[in-house]
Protein backbone atom coordinates (compact mmCIF):
# COMPACT_ATOMS: atom_id res chain seq x y z
CA MET A 1 -0.20 -0.07 -0.05
CA SER A 2 1.32 3.30 -0.79
CA ARG A 3 1.99 6.35 2.05
CA SER A 4 -0.77 8.21 0.35
CA ALA A 5 -3.27 5.19 0.86
CA THR A 6 -2.10 4.41 4.22
CA LYS A 7 -2.56 7.66 5.57
CA LEU A 8 -6.04 7.66 3.82
CA LEU A 9 -6.95 4.55 5.88
CA LEU A 10 -5.58 5.84 8.85
CA LEU A 11 -8.04 8.85 8.58
CA LEU A 12 -10.98 7.09 7.66
CA THR A 13 -10.62 5.03 10.68
CA SER A 14 -9.60 7.76 13.13
CA GLY A 15 -12.81 8.68 14.33
CA THR A 16 -13.17 12.80 14.97
CA LEU A 17 -10.43 12.98 12.56
CA ALA A 18 -12.19 11.42 9.56
CA MET A 19 -15.26 13.67 10.66
CA ALA A 20 -13.36 16.51 10.39
CA ALA A 21 -11.45 15.35 7.01
CA PHE A 22 -15.05 14.91 5.10
CA SER A 23 -16.93 17.82 6.86
CA THR A 24 -14.56 20.66 5.90
CA PRO A 25 -13.10 20.79 2.33
CA ARG A 26 -9.44 21.51 2.57
CA ALA A 27 -8.32 24.78 0.61
CA ALA A 28 -5.86 24.24 -2.19
CA PRO A 29 -1.96 24.97 -0.70
CA ALA A 30 -0.48 28.15 -1.21
CA PRO A 31 2.79 28.04 -3.44
CA ALA A 32 5.73 27.20 -1.74
CA GLY A 33 7.91 30.45 -0.78
CA THR A 34 11.51 30.75 0.94
CA PRO A 35 11.35 29.76 4.49
CA TYR A 36 12.26 32.52 6.81
CA ARG A 37 14.78 31.55 9.89
CA MET A 38 14.18 33.32 12.57
CA THR A 39 16.85 34.46 14.84
CA ILE A 40 15.87 34.30 18.46
CA PRO A 41 18.41 36.31 20.32
CA LYS A 42 19.37 35.57 24.02
CA GLY A 43 16.98 35.54 26.94
CA LEU A 44 13.84 34.33 24.73
CA ASP A 45 12.35 30.99 23.78
CA GLU A 46 11.54 29.92 20.12
CA MET A 47 8.34 31.44 18.78
CA PRO A 48 4.88 29.64 18.10
CA ILE A 49 4.26 29.99 14.57
CA PRO A 50 0.17 29.11 13.60
CA ASP A 51 0.43 26.23 11.61
CA ASP A 52 -1.65 27.66 8.91
CA ASN A 53 0.72 30.79 8.32
CA PRO A 54 4.33 29.64 8.16
CA MET A 55 7.03 32.07 7.93
CA THR A 56 8.34 32.78 4.16
CA VAL A 57 10.50 35.50 3.01
CA GLU A 58 8.12 36.57 0.66
CA LYS A 59 5.29 36.97 2.83
CA ILE A 60 7.03 38.80 5.43
CA GLU A 61 8.14 41.62 2.98
CA LEU A 62 4.46 41.75 1.73
CA GLY A 63 3.41 42.16 5.02
CA LYS A 64 5.93 44.72 5.73
CA GLN A 65 4.83 46.73 2.83
CA LEU A 66 1.53 46.29 3.89
CA TYR A 67 2.59 47.51 7.36
CA PHE A 68 3.57 50.61 6.08
CA ASP A 69 0.82 51.64 3.22
CA ARG A 70 -1.45 54.55 4.35
CA ARG A 71 -3.98 53.23 1.53
CA LEU A 72 -4.99 50.26 4.03
CA SER A 73 -6.50 53.44 5.89
CA ALA A 74 -10.11 55.26 4.46
CA ASP A 75 -8.51 58.54 4.02
CA GLY A 76 -4.83 57.57 2.79
CA THR A 77 -3.36 59.01 6.17
CA VAL A 78 -2.98 55.88 8.53
CA SER A 79 -1.00 53.05 8.53
CA CYS A 80 -0.27 50.28 10.94
CA ALA A 81 2.97 52.00 11.48
CA THR A 82 1.56 55.52 12.48
CA CYS A 83 0.46 54.05 15.79
CA HIS A 84 3.23 51.32 15.69
CA ASP A 85 6.11 53.34 14.54
CA PRO A 86 9.76 51.58 14.52
CA GLY A 87 11.39 54.77 15.63
CA LYS A 88 9.11 54.86 18.53
CA GLY A 89 9.69 51.59 20.07
CA TRP A 90 7.40 50.26 17.90
CA THR A 91 4.61 52.32 19.35
CA ASP A 92 3.49 55.93 18.97
CA ASN A 93 4.80 57.77 22.37
CA LEU A 94 1.29 59.45 23.03
CA PRO A 95 -1.22 58.92 25.67
CA VAL A 96 -3.68 57.52 22.89
CA SER A 97 -3.20 57.36 19.08
CA ASN A 98 -4.86 59.53 16.47
CA GLY A 99 -6.79 57.90 13.77
CA ILE A 100 -8.37 58.99 10.66
CA LYS A 101 -10.13 62.69 10.76
CA GLY A 102 -7.79 63.47 13.67
CA GLN A 103 -9.80 61.34 15.91
CA LYS A 104 -8.64 60.18 19.05
CA GLY A 105 -8.82 56.48 20.35
CA GLY A 106 -9.30 55.26 24.02
CA ARG A 107 -6.42 53.68 24.97
CA SER A 108 -2.29 53.88 24.04
CA ALA A 109 -0.72 51.87 21.58
CA PRO A 110 0.66 48.55 22.67
CA THR A 111 4.26 48.52 21.42
CA VAL A 112 4.82 45.29 18.50
CA ILE A 113 8.13 44.17 19.98
CA ASN A 114 7.67 40.60 21.06
CA SER A 115 3.88 40.39 20.53
CA GLY A 116 4.11 36.94 18.85
CA TYR A 117 5.13 35.70 21.86
CA ALA A 118 1.40 36.88 23.26
CA TYR A 119 -1.46 34.79 24.05
CA ALA A 120 -3.75 37.13 22.99
CA GLN A 121 -3.87 40.67 21.61
CA PHE A 122 -5.06 44.10 22.48
CA TRP A 123 -5.21 45.31 26.11
CA ASP A 124 -8.33 43.70 26.37
CA GLY A 125 -7.39 40.14 24.98
CA ARG A 126 -10.43 40.44 22.45
CA ALA A 127 -7.83 39.32 19.65
CA LYS A 128 -6.73 35.66 19.64
CA SER A 129 -4.34 35.96 17.41
CA LEU A 130 -1.82 38.42 15.82
CA GLU A 131 -3.83 37.53 12.53
CA ALA A 132 -7.18 38.58 14.21
CA GLN A 133 -5.46 41.94 15.44
CA ALA A 134 -3.95 42.57 12.26
CA LEU A 135 -7.94 43.36 10.66
CA GLY A 136 -8.85 45.39 13.85
CA PRO A 137 -7.77 48.25 13.63
CA ILE A 138 -8.58 48.24 9.70
CA GLY A 139 -12.27 47.81 10.91
CA ASN A 140 -12.12 50.38 13.71
CA PRO A 141 -13.95 53.44 12.79
CA ILE A 142 -11.87 55.51 14.40
CA GLU A 143 -8.73 54.00 13.60
CA MET A 144 -8.00 53.40 10.18
CA GLY A 145 -11.86 53.37 9.40
CA GLU A 146 -11.96 50.92 6.32
CA LYS A 147 -13.95 47.57 5.65
CA PRO A 148 -11.48 44.92 5.15
CA GLU A 149 -12.89 43.85 2.23
CA ASN A 150 -12.76 47.05 0.76
CA VAL A 151 -8.90 47.56 1.52
CA ALA A 152 -8.68 43.63 -0.27
CA LYS A 153 -10.08 45.14 -3.36
CA LYS A 154 -7.95 48.37 -3.25
CA ILE A 155 -4.67 46.51 -2.70
CA ASP A 156 -5.43 43.64 -5.30
CA ALA A 157 -5.99 46.83 -8.02
CA ILE A 158 -2.45 47.67 -7.39
CA ALA A 159 -0.44 45.59 -9.92
CA GLY A 160 3.06 45.76 -7.88
CA TYR A 161 0.66 43.91 -4.65
CA ARG A 162 -1.50 41.63 -7.16
CA SER A 163 1.56 39.70 -8.29
CA GLN A 164 2.65 39.45 -4.85
CA PHE A 165 -0.66 37.83 -3.41
CA ARG A 166 -0.64 35.66 -6.48
CA LYS A 167 3.19 34.37 -5.67
CA VAL A 168 2.61 33.98 -2.02
CA TYR A 169 -1.02 32.75 -1.92
CA GLY A 170 -2.12 31.79 -5.24
CA THR A 171 -4.74 34.25 -5.13
CA ASP A 172 -5.86 37.89 -5.10
CA ALA A 173 -5.81 39.77 -1.94
CA THR A 174 -8.14 39.14 0.57
CA PRO A 175 -8.59 40.45 3.83
CA GLU A 176 -7.48 36.69 5.43
CA ALA A 177 -4.11 36.89 2.92
CA ILE A 178 -3.86 40.20 4.15
CA ALA A 179 -3.94 40.21 7.99
CA LYS A 180 -1.42 36.81 7.28
CA SER A 181 0.90 38.82 5.89
CA ILE A 182 1.08 41.70 8.40
CA ALA A 183 1.34 39.20 10.95
CA ALA A 184 4.31 37.40 9.76
CA PHE A 185 6.42 40.49 9.26
CA GLU A 186 5.27 41.61 12.73
CA ARG A 187 6.33 38.40 14.11
CA THR A 188 9.95 39.04 13.15
CA ILE A 189 9.92 42.17 15.46
CA VAL A 190 11.80 40.57 18.55
CA SER A 191 13.90 42.20 21.39
CA GLY A 192 16.38 40.42 23.30
CA ASN A 193 19.61 39.87 24.33
CA SER A 194 19.54 42.67 27.00
CA PRO A 195 21.76 43.22 29.79
CA PHE A 196 19.38 41.73 32.22
CA ASP A 197 19.64 38.50 29.61
CA ARG A 198 23.21 38.88 29.88
CA PHE A 199 23.31 39.06 33.50
CA GLN A 200 20.99 35.93 33.86
CA ALA A 201 23.20 34.26 31.42
CA GLY A 202 26.02 34.33 33.78
CA ASP A 203 27.72 37.82 33.01
CA LYS A 204 27.66 39.52 36.38
CA THR A 205 28.91 42.51 34.67
CA ALA A 206 25.76 43.19 32.26
CA MET A 207 24.05 45.17 34.96
CA PRO A 208 24.74 48.28 36.60
CA ALA A 209 25.02 47.21 40.77
CA ALA A 210 21.71 49.58 40.65
CA ALA A 211 19.53 47.54 38.45
CA ALA A 212 20.96 44.12 40.15
CA ARG A 213 19.73 45.69 43.37
CA GLY A 214 16.39 46.42 41.60
CA PHE A 215 15.78 42.83 40.53
CA GLU A 216 16.19 41.41 43.49
CA ILE A 217 13.72 44.08 44.88
CA PHE A 218 11.35 43.44 41.74
CA LYS A 219 11.02 39.46 42.97
CA GLY A 220 11.09 40.28 46.57
CA LYS A 221 9.64 43.15 48.39
CA ALA A 222 7.41 44.90 45.29
CA GLN A 223 6.26 41.52 44.29
CA CYS A 224 6.30 42.35 40.32
CA THR A 225 6.70 38.77 39.66
CA ASN A 226 3.11 38.07 40.76
CA CYS A 227 2.08 39.14 37.55
CA HIS A 228 5.10 40.21 35.44
CA VAL A 229 6.63 36.42 34.92
CA GLY A 230 8.53 34.37 32.30
CA PHE A 231 10.69 35.69 29.49
CA THR A 232 8.21 38.00 28.16
CA GLN A 233 7.75 39.52 32.00
CA SER A 234 3.90 39.27 31.72
CA ASP A 235 1.59 36.56 32.75
CA SER A 236 -0.71 37.28 29.80
CA LEU A 237 -3.52 37.58 32.59
CA TYR A 238 -5.59 40.63 33.40
CA HIS A 239 -5.88 43.07 36.34
CA ASN A 240 -7.59 45.81 37.77
CA LEU A 241 -5.09 48.42 39.04
CA GLY A 242 -7.81 51.50 39.51
CA VAL A 243 -6.04 53.43 36.56
CA GLY A 244 -9.48 55.56 35.04
CA MET A 245 -11.74 53.70 37.30
CA ASN A 246 -12.81 56.79 38.95
CA ALA A 247 -13.84 58.55 35.81
CA ALA A 248 -17.23 59.88 34.84
CA LYS A 249 -17.28 57.03 32.15
CA PRO A 250 -14.67 54.58 32.77
CA ASP A 251 -12.98 52.05 30.22
CA LEU A 252 -13.95 48.68 31.81
CA GLY A 253 -11.66 46.73 30.09
CA ARG A 254 -11.74 43.05 29.62
CA PHE A 255 -15.30 43.26 31.32
CA ALA A 256 -16.55 44.29 27.76
CA VAL A 257 -15.03 40.86 25.94
CA THR A 258 -16.01 38.66 28.46
CA LYS A 259 -18.97 40.44 30.70
CA ASP A 260 -17.74 38.69 33.61
CA PRO A 261 -18.30 41.58 36.63
CA LYS A 262 -14.64 40.62 37.94
CA ASP A 263 -13.09 41.75 34.74
CA ARG A 264 -14.17 45.07 35.24
CA GLY A 265 -11.63 47.50 34.83
CA ALA A 266 -8.96 44.46 34.38
CA PHE A 267 -6.36 45.04 31.32
CA LYS A 268 -3.62 42.90 29.95
CA THR A 269 -0.14 42.61 31.81
CA PRO A 270 1.94 44.11 29.29
CA THR A 271 5.66 43.29 28.88
CA LEU A 272 8.50 44.89 30.59
CA ARG A 273 10.74 44.70 27.90
CA ASP A 274 12.01 47.84 26.22
CA LEU A 275 9.94 50.06 28.65
CA SER A 276 12.68 53.14 27.96
CA LYS A 277 11.26 53.31 24.55
CA THR A 278 7.32 52.93 25.07
CA ALA A 279 6.65 55.80 27.28
CA PRO A 280 3.78 56.40 28.22
CA TYR A 281 2.95 53.84 30.25
CA LEU A 282 -0.51 51.96 31.24
CA HIS A 283 -3.85 51.39 29.21
CA ASP A 284 -4.62 55.14 28.65
CA GLY A 285 -1.30 56.57 29.06
CA SER A 286 -1.77 58.47 31.86
CA GLU A 287 1.65 58.13 33.56
CA PRO A 288 4.63 59.47 31.50
CA THR A 289 7.55 58.16 33.26
CA LEU A 290 8.24 54.49 34.86
CA LEU A 291 9.35 56.14 38.28
CA GLY A 292 5.46 57.44 37.95
CA VAL A 293 4.13 53.75 37.37
CA ILE A 294 6.13 52.39 40.02
CA GLU A 295 4.58 55.61 42.55
CA LEU A 296 1.46 53.93 41.57
CA TYR A 297 1.95 50.41 42.54
CA ASN A 298 3.98 51.52 45.65
CA ARG A 299 0.25 53.01 46.72
CA GLY A 300 -1.38 49.74 46.01
CA GLY A 301 -2.98 51.07 42.70
CA ILE A 302 -6.27 52.96 42.86
CA LYS A 303 -9.13 51.95 45.29
CA ASN A 304 -12.36 50.50 43.61
CA PRO A 305 -14.55 47.54 44.16
CA ASN A 306 -12.66 45.73 41.38
CA LEU A 307 -8.85 46.24 42.48
CA ASP A 308 -6.65 43.63 41.87
CA PRO A 309 -6.02 41.88 45.42
CA LYS A 310 -2.69 41.57 44.53
CA MET A 311 -1.96 45.53 44.62
CA LYS A 312 -1.11 46.21 47.85
CA PRO A 313 1.10 48.82 49.23
CA LEU A 314 4.90 48.37 49.28
CA ASN A 315 6.54 51.23 51.52
CA LEU A 316 9.36 51.19 48.85
CA THR A 317 12.13 53.26 49.79
CA GLU A 318 13.23 56.46 47.20
CA ASN A 319 16.51 54.42 46.51
CA GLU A 320 14.59 51.34 46.08
CA LYS A 321 12.42 53.05 43.55
CA LEU A 322 15.12 54.11 41.68
CA ASP A 323 16.67 51.02 41.46
CA LEU A 324 13.86 49.23 40.19
CA VAL A 325 13.85 52.03 37.52
CA ALA A 326 17.58 50.79 36.83
CA TYR A 327 16.48 46.97 36.74
CA LEU A 328 13.40 47.90 34.23
CA GLU A 329 16.16 50.08 31.64
CA ALA A 330 18.61 47.01 32.33
CA LEU A 331 15.42 44.98 30.22
CA ASP A 332 15.75 47.25 26.81
CA GLY A 333 17.15 45.01 24.56
CA GLU A 334 18.13 44.68 20.75
CA PHE A 335 15.45 44.78 18.14
CA PRO A 336 15.57 44.90 14.36
CA VAL A 337 16.14 48.38 12.91
CA VAL A 338 12.85 48.71 9.74
CA ALA A 339 12.67 51.43 7.61
CA ALA A 340 9.64 51.99 5.26
CA PRO A 341 10.13 50.10 2.20
CA LYS A 342 9.44 51.20 -1.38
CA LEU A 343 5.75 50.48 -1.95
CA PRO A 344 4.00 49.33 -4.95
């Protein structure tokens, strides 16, 4: 029996696999591209890549062009790079971002750095993948204000894009293919080999003494590892710090997704890597400095009915706060320098 026939027999006799094989038609495989080899810097794990969106050089180059292209927005004024600028820590260094027609959003733009490791995207975790996230801003009336299907038509009308989509996917441009391309490019934006990473690898001279003291405070008295854990420095969970909860119409964060009362005012724990480049801080961009964020934690957050029970006054000294800042700055790593490409 041939290998293909044996494989079919296994599928037919495997219960649910057989049902799945015959209930959903399989799409034709996309043309093969040049496999992209991810270089993982010191301090990071291998990045999980979705089976249905393998990384290729051609796909990443296409995604890079789309990422910088303002034509993805309704009026041609906003691109992904507008709010996630490589020159500004892959964010925009604004409290809240600017969309089409001068509109302002309600949340600070998260950094793209190491976003390929996140279990969910956006501050409230409403997108379960980078692919799902990529279409969110396009369809948001405040951000890019365009329908994904209209974007696909506009992009497909450009000869230079149309030929790339046919080469990479074997089809015309589609919203799904646009999302996959942008996500593939974003996965290449990784940052590691920070002074902290080298310190952890055994080079005890990699961090200044203040940062080393700050690391001990981070793990101990400040209890930061309650939420900031692992190489991403995030538990990927949602917590209420009380930020903005005293507003007339507070942003309810994760609650808008789950409708679970315990999620009122809870937002995803952000990565701590490259923080010095991504100010201002917190989901609403209300804190301009790292020292100010530490002061918030030192106070135990802002009281409200849903304040996370982990938020307690820390009683840090002024020197301990400064040492914590030094540690956070030692998490600044090395990430790719990316210039805007020539667009079709």
